[in-house]
Amino acid sequence: MKWWLEEGDEWDFDKILDYVADYDEVHVGCDSKYYSQGTKFAIAIGVYQNPCVTYWYTKSKEKNITREIRYRLWIEVEKAIQVALKISQRYPRKRIVVHCDINSDDRFPSSCLNQSAKGYVTGCGFEYRNKPNAWCASGCADYHTR
């Protein structure tokens, strides 16, 4: 899987892991956008050093993904957890925060997955963050789905 810090600046995953070694916490988020020719997914790994965020992203396009929001959001959660698990293998004591593009407000359709996603993320040993505080998913990753 190819990762970029910015367009044209490709990093491999081990180099990212070396970079984040000095940070107390690492943030992981995923977002997607449905298009008729396929669904674009973007995953972001970020570190926060006030007032700046440094993040890397990877993106993929998958065909035959239904437009149904619950299904797509659950794939986003799974993709973020997969990356978080890889980071935790290298740094088992590092604080990893998984950002999910899921709203806590019941007025939004994504809120139906809030408790399930929270249970899944925390059950894997990570901290859960949802909208409006899920900047790694709804900000960083979202930017690369367009």
N, C-alpha and C. Protein backbone atom coordinates (compact mmCIF):
# COMPACT_ATOMS: atom_id res chain seq x y z
N MET A 1 0.85 -1.17 0.00
CA MET A 1 0.00 0.00 0.00
C MET A 1 0.90 1.24 0.00
N LYS A 2 0.64 2.16 -0.90
CA LYS A 2 1.43 3.39 -0.99
C LYS A 2 0.83 4.47 -0.10
N TRP A 3 1.69 5.20 0.57
CA TRP A 3 1.28 6.30 1.45
C TRP A 3 1.96 7.57 0.98
N TRP A 4 1.27 8.68 1.13
CA TRP A 4 1.84 9.97 0.73
C TRP A 4 1.73 10.96 1.89
N LEU A 5 2.75 11.80 2.02
CA LEU A 5 2.70 12.92 2.95
C LEU A 5 2.06 14.10 2.22
N GLU A 6 2.40 14.22 0.98
CA GLU A 6 1.76 15.18 0.07
C GLU A 6 1.95 14.62 -1.33
N GLU A 7 1.24 15.16 -2.27
CA GLU A 7 1.31 14.66 -3.65
C GLU A 7 2.77 14.59 -4.10
N GLY A 8 3.20 13.43 -4.53
CA GLY A 8 4.56 13.25 -5.01
C GLY A 8 5.57 12.88 -3.94
N ASP A 9 5.19 12.88 -2.67
CA ASP A 9 6.10 12.54 -1.58
C ASP A 9 5.66 11.21 -0.97
N GLU A 10 6.07 10.13 -1.62
CA GLU A 10 5.64 8.79 -1.21
C GLU A 10 6.47 8.27 -0.04
N TRP A 11 5.79 7.65 0.92
CA TRP A 11 6.42 7.06 2.09
C TRP A 11 6.03 5.60 2.17
N ASP A 12 6.92 4.75 2.71
CA ASP A 12 6.48 3.39 3.01
C ASP A 12 6.04 3.35 4.48
N PHE A 13 5.28 2.35 4.80
CA PHE A 13 4.65 2.26 6.12
C PHE A 13 5.68 2.24 7.24
N ASP A 14 6.78 1.54 7.05
CA ASP A 14 7.81 1.47 8.10
C ASP A 14 8.43 2.84 8.37
N LYS A 15 8.57 3.64 7.34
CA LYS A 15 9.12 4.99 7.52
C LYS A 15 8.15 5.87 8.33
N ILE A 16 6.85 5.68 8.08
CA ILE A 16 5.84 6.40 8.87
C ILE A 16 5.93 5.96 10.33
N LEU A 17 6.05 4.66 10.54
CA LEU A 17 6.16 4.16 11.91
C LEU A 17 7.39 4.71 12.63
N ASP A 18 8.49 4.84 11.91
CA ASP A 18 9.69 5.44 12.52
C ASP A 18 9.42 6.90 12.89
N TYR A 19 8.70 7.62 12.04
CA TYR A 19 8.41 9.03 12.28
C TYR A 19 7.53 9.22 13.52
N VAL A 20 6.51 8.38 13.66
CA VAL A 20 5.55 8.56 14.76
C VAL A 20 6.08 8.04 16.11
N ALA A 21 7.26 7.45 16.11
CA ALA A 21 7.81 6.88 17.34
C ALA A 21 7.91 7.90 18.47
N ASP A 22 8.19 9.13 18.15
CA ASP A 22 8.39 10.16 19.17
C ASP A 22 7.11 10.84 19.64
N TYR A 23 5.99 10.44 19.13
CA TYR A 23 4.72 11.06 19.49
C TYR A 23 3.98 10.19 20.50
N ASP A 24 3.29 10.85 21.41
CA ASP A 24 2.54 10.13 22.44
C ASP A 24 1.32 9.43 21.89
N GLU A 25 0.70 10.04 20.87
CA GLU A 25 -0.49 9.43 20.30
C GLU A 25 -0.49 9.56 18.79
N VAL A 26 -1.15 8.59 18.17
CA VAL A 26 -1.28 8.54 16.72
C VAL A 26 -2.77 8.44 16.42
N HIS A 27 -3.19 9.16 15.39
CA HIS A 27 -4.60 9.19 15.00
C HIS A 27 -4.75 8.49 13.65
N VAL A 28 -5.81 7.71 13.53
CA VAL A 28 -6.09 7.00 12.28
C VAL A 28 -7.55 7.23 11.93
N GLY A 29 -7.81 7.56 10.68
CA GLY A 29 -9.19 7.77 10.24
C GLY A 29 -9.37 7.32 8.80
N CYS A 30 -10.59 7.03 8.44
CA CYS A 30 -10.91 6.61 7.08
C CYS A 30 -12.20 7.30 6.66
N ASP A 31 -12.29 7.61 5.38
CA ASP A 31 -13.52 8.17 4.82
C ASP A 31 -13.71 7.60 3.43
N SER A 32 -14.92 7.71 2.91
CA SER A 32 -15.21 7.20 1.58
C SER A 32 -16.20 8.11 0.88
N LYS A 33 -16.22 7.97 -0.42
CA LYS A 33 -17.19 8.70 -1.23
C LYS A 33 -17.64 7.76 -2.33
N TYR A 34 -18.95 7.65 -2.46
CA TYR A 34 -19.53 6.78 -3.47
C TYR A 34 -19.60 7.52 -4.81
N TYR A 35 -19.13 6.87 -5.85
CA TYR A 35 -19.25 7.35 -7.23
C TYR A 35 -19.85 6.20 -8.04
N SER A 36 -20.52 6.51 -9.10
CA SER A 36 -21.16 5.45 -9.90
C SER A 36 -20.15 4.45 -10.44
N GLN A 37 -18.92 4.87 -10.70
CA GLN A 37 -17.91 3.96 -11.23
C GLN A 37 -17.08 3.26 -10.14
N GLY A 38 -17.37 3.55 -8.88
CA GLY A 38 -16.67 2.88 -7.78
C GLY A 38 -16.63 3.78 -6.56
N THR A 39 -16.30 3.22 -5.43
CA THR A 39 -16.21 3.98 -4.18
C THR A 39 -14.76 4.26 -3.87
N LYS A 40 -14.46 5.52 -3.60
CA LYS A 40 -13.12 5.93 -3.22
C LYS A 40 -12.99 5.88 -1.70
N PHE A 41 -11.95 5.24 -1.23
CA PHE A 41 -11.63 5.20 0.19
C PHE A 41 -10.30 5.90 0.41
N ALA A 42 -10.18 6.62 1.49
CA ALA A 42 -8.92 7.23 1.88
C ALA A 42 -8.72 6.97 3.36
N ILE A 43 -7.50 6.58 3.71
CA ILE A 43 -7.14 6.35 5.10
C ILE A 43 -6.04 7.35 5.44
N ALA A 44 -6.12 7.93 6.61
CA ALA A 44 -5.11 8.89 7.05
C ALA A 44 -4.52 8.46 8.39
N ILE A 45 -3.22 8.67 8.53
CA ILE A 45 -2.50 8.49 9.79
C ILE A 45 -1.97 9.87 10.15
N GLY A 46 -2.33 10.35 11.33
CA GLY A 46 -1.92 11.70 11.70
C GLY A 46 -1.30 11.79 13.08
N VAL A 47 -0.43 12.78 13.23
CA VAL A 47 0.12 13.14 14.53
C VAL A 47 -0.13 14.63 14.72
N TYR A 48 -0.40 14.99 15.94
CA TYR A 48 -0.80 16.36 16.26
C TYR A 48 0.25 16.99 17.16
N GLN A 49 0.77 18.12 16.72
CA GLN A 49 1.69 18.90 17.54
C GLN A 49 1.22 20.34 17.44
N ASN A 50 0.55 20.79 18.48
CA ASN A 50 -0.13 22.08 18.49
C ASN A 50 0.75 23.18 17.89
N PRO A 51 0.32 23.90 16.91
CA PRO A 51 -1.01 23.91 16.30
C PRO A 51 -1.07 23.14 14.99
N CYS A 52 -0.12 22.26 14.75
CA CYS A 52 -0.01 21.61 13.43
C CYS A 52 -0.36 20.13 13.47
N VAL A 53 -0.85 19.65 12.34
CA VAL A 53 -1.10 18.22 12.14
C VAL A 53 -0.24 17.78 10.96
N THR A 54 0.46 16.69 11.15
CA THR A 54 1.17 16.05 10.04
C THR A 54 0.43 14.75 9.78
N TYR A 55 0.08 14.51 8.52
CA TYR A 55 -0.61 13.25 8.23
C TYR A 55 -0.20 12.68 6.88
N TRP A 56 -0.32 11.37 6.81
CA TRP A 56 -0.06 10.62 5.59
C TRP A 56 -1.38 10.01 5.16
N TYR A 57 -1.52 9.76 3.89
CA TYR A 57 -2.77 9.18 3.41
C TYR A 57 -2.49 8.15 2.33
N THR A 58 -3.42 7.26 2.21
CA THR A 58 -3.44 6.30 1.13
C THR A 58 -4.86 6.27 0.60
N LYS A 59 -5.01 5.94 -0.66
CA LYS A 59 -6.36 5.88 -1.21
C LYS A 59 -6.50 4.70 -2.15
N SER A 60 -7.74 4.28 -2.28
CA SER A 60 -8.05 3.16 -3.15
C SER A 60 -9.45 3.36 -3.72
N LYS A 61 -9.71 2.67 -4.79
CA LYS A 61 -11.03 2.71 -5.41
C LYS A 61 -11.52 1.27 -5.52
N GLU A 62 -12.70 1.04 -4.99
CA GLU A 62 -13.25 -0.31 -5.00
C GLU A 62 -14.57 -0.32 -5.74
N LYS A 63 -14.72 -1.31 -6.58
CA LYS A 63 -15.97 -1.47 -7.33
C LYS A 63 -16.92 -2.36 -6.54
N ASN A 64 -18.16 -2.34 -6.90
CA ASN A 64 -19.19 -3.20 -6.31
C ASN A 64 -19.42 -2.95 -4.83
N ILE A 65 -19.19 -1.74 -4.38
CA ILE A 65 -19.53 -1.36 -3.01
C ILE A 65 -20.89 -0.67 -3.08
N THR A 66 -21.81 -1.15 -2.30
CA THR A 66 -23.14 -0.57 -2.32
C THR A 66 -23.12 0.88 -1.83
N ARG A 67 -24.07 1.64 -2.26
CA ARG A 67 -24.18 3.04 -1.86
C ARG A 67 -24.71 3.15 -0.43
N GLU A 68 -25.25 2.07 0.10
CA GLU A 68 -25.90 2.06 1.41
C GLU A 68 -24.90 2.50 2.50
N ILE A 69 -25.28 3.53 3.23
CA ILE A 69 -24.35 4.21 4.14
C ILE A 69 -23.83 3.32 5.27
N ARG A 70 -24.66 2.47 5.82
CA ARG A 70 -24.21 1.62 6.93
C ARG A 70 -23.07 0.70 6.48
N TYR A 71 -23.23 0.13 5.32
CA TYR A 71 -22.21 -0.79 4.80
C TYR A 71 -20.89 -0.06 4.56
N ARG A 72 -20.96 1.09 3.91
CA ARG A 72 -19.76 1.87 3.60
C ARG A 72 -19.06 2.35 4.87
N LEU A 73 -19.85 2.84 5.82
CA LEU A 73 -19.25 3.32 7.07
C LEU A 73 -18.56 2.19 7.84
N TRP A 74 -19.16 1.01 7.80
CA TRP A 74 -18.55 -0.11 8.52
C TRP A 74 -17.23 -0.50 7.87
N ILE A 75 -17.15 -0.44 6.55
CA ILE A 75 -15.89 -0.69 5.85
C ILE A 75 -14.85 0.34 6.28
N GLU A 76 -15.27 1.60 6.40
CA GLU A 76 -14.35 2.66 6.86
C GLU A 76 -13.79 2.32 8.24
N VAL A 77 -14.66 1.91 9.15
CA VAL A 77 -14.23 1.56 10.51
C VAL A 77 -13.23 0.40 10.46
N GLU A 78 -13.54 -0.61 9.67
CA GLU A 78 -12.65 -1.77 9.56
C GLU A 78 -11.29 -1.40 8.99
N LYS A 79 -11.28 -0.56 7.96
CA LYS A 79 -10.01 -0.15 7.36
C LYS A 79 -9.17 0.64 8.37
N ALA A 80 -9.78 1.53 9.12
CA ALA A 80 -9.05 2.30 10.12
C ALA A 80 -8.49 1.38 11.21
N ILE A 81 -9.28 0.43 11.65
CA ILE A 81 -8.82 -0.50 12.68
C ILE A 81 -7.67 -1.36 12.17
N GLN A 82 -7.73 -1.79 10.93
CA GLN A 82 -6.63 -2.59 10.36
C GLN A 82 -5.30 -1.83 10.44
N VAL A 83 -5.33 -0.55 10.10
CA VAL A 83 -4.12 0.26 10.16
C VAL A 83 -3.70 0.47 11.62
N ALA A 84 -4.65 0.75 12.48
CA ALA A 84 -4.35 0.94 13.90
C ALA A 84 -3.71 -0.31 14.50
N LEU A 85 -4.19 -1.47 14.11
CA LEU A 85 -3.62 -2.73 14.61
C LEU A 85 -2.17 -2.90 14.15
N LYS A 86 -1.87 -2.50 12.92
CA LYS A 86 -0.49 -2.58 12.43
C LYS A 86 0.43 -1.65 13.21
N ILE A 87 -0.08 -0.47 13.53
CA ILE A 87 0.72 0.47 14.33
C ILE A 87 0.94 -0.09 15.72
N SER A 88 -0.10 -0.66 16.31
CA SER A 88 0.01 -1.19 17.69
C SER A 88 0.91 -2.42 17.76
N GLN A 89 1.08 -3.14 16.66
CA GLN A 89 2.02 -4.26 16.66
C GLN A 89 3.44 -3.77 16.90
N ARG A 90 3.76 -2.64 16.31
CA ARG A 90 5.11 -2.07 16.45
C ARG A 90 5.25 -1.32 17.78
N TYR A 91 4.17 -0.63 18.18
CA TYR A 91 4.19 0.17 19.40
C TYR A 91 3.00 -0.22 20.29
N PRO A 92 3.11 -1.32 21.00
CA PRO A 92 1.97 -1.83 21.77
C PRO A 92 1.47 -0.89 22.88
N ARG A 93 2.30 0.02 23.35
CA ARG A 93 1.87 0.91 24.43
C ARG A 93 1.50 2.31 23.94
N LYS A 94 1.57 2.53 22.67
CA LYS A 94 1.26 3.85 22.13
C LYS A 94 -0.25 4.08 22.14
N ARG A 95 -0.64 5.29 22.47
CA ARG A 95 -2.05 5.66 22.46
C ARG A 95 -2.48 5.88 21.01
N ILE A 96 -3.42 5.08 20.56
CA ILE A 96 -3.91 5.17 19.18
C ILE A 96 -5.38 5.56 19.24
N VAL A 97 -5.71 6.61 18.52
CA VAL A 97 -7.07 7.13 18.48
C VAL A 97 -7.64 6.86 17.09
N VAL A 98 -8.73 6.11 17.03
CA VAL A 98 -9.39 5.81 15.76
C VAL A 98 -10.54 6.78 15.57
N HIS A 99 -10.46 7.54 14.50
CA HIS A 99 -11.48 8.53 14.17
C HIS A 99 -12.46 7.91 13.18
N CYS A 100 -13.73 7.96 13.52
CA CYS A 100 -14.78 7.40 12.66
C CYS A 100 -15.68 8.53 12.17
N ASP A 101 -15.96 8.49 10.90
CA ASP A 101 -16.79 9.52 10.26
C ASP A 101 -18.27 9.24 10.57
N ILE A 102 -18.56 9.12 11.85
CA ILE A 102 -19.90 8.76 12.32
C ILE A 102 -20.37 9.86 13.25
N ASN A 103 -21.59 10.30 13.05
CA ASN A 103 -22.13 11.41 13.82
C ASN A 103 -22.75 10.91 15.12
N SER A 104 -22.55 11.67 16.17
CA SER A 104 -23.17 11.33 17.45
C SER A 104 -24.60 11.88 17.55
N ASP A 105 -24.96 12.75 16.65
CA ASP A 105 -26.28 13.38 16.63
C ASP A 105 -27.28 12.47 15.90
N ASP A 106 -28.33 12.07 16.60
CA ASP A 106 -29.32 11.14 16.04
C ASP A 106 -30.04 11.66 14.80
N ARG A 107 -29.93 12.92 14.51
CA ARG A 107 -30.58 13.47 13.32
C ARG A 107 -29.88 13.06 12.04
N PHE A 108 -28.68 12.51 12.14
CA PHE A 108 -27.91 12.13 10.96
C PHE A 108 -27.91 10.62 10.80
N PRO A 109 -28.00 10.15 9.55
CA PRO A 109 -28.09 8.70 9.29
C PRO A 109 -26.91 7.89 9.85
N SER A 110 -25.73 8.47 9.87
CA SER A 110 -24.57 7.71 10.33
C SER A 110 -24.62 7.38 11.82
N SER A 111 -25.46 8.10 12.57
CA SER A 111 -25.51 7.89 14.02
C SER A 111 -25.96 6.48 14.41
N CYS A 112 -26.62 5.78 13.49
CA CYS A 112 -27.10 4.43 13.79
C CYS A 112 -25.95 3.45 14.09
N LEU A 113 -24.74 3.80 13.65
CA LEU A 113 -23.59 2.92 13.89
C LEU A 113 -22.70 3.40 15.04
N ASN A 114 -23.07 4.48 15.68
CA ASN A 114 -22.19 5.08 16.68
C ASN A 114 -21.82 4.12 17.80
N GLN A 115 -22.77 3.50 18.44
CA GLN A 115 -22.48 2.60 19.56
C GLN A 115 -21.74 1.35 19.11
N SER A 116 -22.12 0.79 17.96
CA SER A 116 -21.43 -0.41 17.45
C SER A 116 -19.98 -0.11 17.13
N ALA A 117 -19.74 1.01 16.46
CA ALA A 117 -18.37 1.38 16.10
C ALA A 117 -17.54 1.66 17.35
N LYS A 118 -18.15 2.34 18.31
CA LYS A 118 -17.44 2.63 19.56
C LYS A 118 -17.04 1.33 20.26
N GLY A 119 -17.96 0.37 20.32
CA GLY A 119 -17.65 -0.91 20.94
C GLY A 119 -16.56 -1.66 20.21
N TYR A 120 -16.59 -1.64 18.89
CA TYR A 120 -15.59 -2.33 18.08
C TYR A 120 -14.21 -1.70 18.29
N VAL A 121 -14.14 -0.39 18.20
CA VAL A 121 -12.87 0.32 18.33
C VAL A 121 -12.29 0.15 19.73
N THR A 122 -13.10 0.38 20.75
CA THR A 122 -12.59 0.26 22.12
C THR A 122 -12.29 -1.20 22.48
N GLY A 123 -13.07 -2.11 21.91
CA GLY A 123 -12.81 -3.54 22.13
C GLY A 123 -11.48 -3.98 21.55
N CYS A 124 -11.01 -3.29 20.52
CA CYS A 124 -9.70 -3.57 19.94
C CYS A 124 -8.58 -2.88 20.70
N GLY A 125 -8.95 -2.08 21.71
CA GLY A 125 -7.94 -1.44 22.55
C GLY A 125 -7.58 -0.02 22.17
N PHE A 126 -8.39 0.60 21.32
CA PHE A 126 -8.09 1.95 20.86
C PHE A 126 -9.10 2.94 21.42
N GLU A 127 -8.73 4.19 21.38
CA GLU A 127 -9.64 5.26 21.77
C GLU A 127 -10.54 5.59 20.58
N TYR A 128 -11.79 5.85 20.85
CA TYR A 128 -12.78 6.13 19.80
C TYR A 128 -13.06 7.62 19.74
N ARG A 129 -13.09 8.14 18.53
CA ARG A 129 -13.47 9.54 18.34
C ARG A 129 -14.43 9.60 17.15
N ASN A 130 -15.55 10.30 17.35
CA ASN A 130 -16.53 10.44 16.27
C ASN A 130 -16.77 11.93 16.00
N LYS A 131 -17.64 12.20 15.03
CA LYS A 131 -17.96 13.59 14.69
C LYS A 131 -18.62 14.26 15.88
N PRO A 132 -18.31 15.47 16.14
CA PRO A 132 -17.58 16.45 15.33
C PRO A 132 -16.08 16.46 15.61
N ASN A 133 -15.56 15.54 16.40
CA ASN A 133 -14.15 15.56 16.81
C ASN A 133 -13.26 14.62 16.01
N ALA A 134 -13.79 14.01 14.99
CA ALA A 134 -13.04 13.01 14.22
C ALA A 134 -12.31 13.66 13.05
N TRP A 135 -11.41 14.59 13.35
CA TRP A 135 -10.74 15.37 12.31
C TRP A 135 -9.89 14.52 11.36
N CYS A 136 -9.36 13.41 11.82
CA CYS A 136 -8.51 12.59 10.95
C CYS A 136 -9.34 11.91 9.85
N ALA A 137 -10.59 11.58 10.16
CA ALA A 137 -11.49 10.98 9.17
C ALA A 137 -12.23 12.05 8.38
N SER A 138 -12.90 12.96 9.09
CA SER A 138 -13.77 13.91 8.40
C SER A 138 -13.03 15.12 7.85
N GLY A 139 -11.75 15.24 8.14
CA GLY A 139 -10.94 16.32 7.59
C GLY A 139 -9.88 15.77 6.66
N CYS A 140 -8.88 15.09 7.23
CA CYS A 140 -7.74 14.61 6.45
C CYS A 140 -8.14 13.59 5.39
N ALA A 141 -8.76 12.49 5.81
CA ALA A 141 -9.13 11.44 4.85
C ALA A 141 -10.19 11.93 3.87
N ASP A 142 -11.16 12.68 4.36
CA ASP A 142 -12.22 13.20 3.51
C ASP A 142 -11.67 14.00 2.33
N TYR A 143 -10.66 14.79 2.56
CA TYR A 143 -10.06 15.62 1.52
C TYR A 143 -9.57 14.78 0.34
N HIS A 144 -9.13 13.57 0.61
CA HIS A 144 -8.54 12.74 -0.44
C HIS A 144 -9.55 11.78 -1.09
N THR A 145 -10.81 11.88 -0.72
CA THR A 145 -11.83 11.08 -1.41
C THR A 145 -12.44 11.84 -2.57
N ARG A 146 -12.13 13.09 -2.71
CA ARG A 146 -12.72 13.94 -3.76
C ARG A 146 -11.93 13.93 -5.03
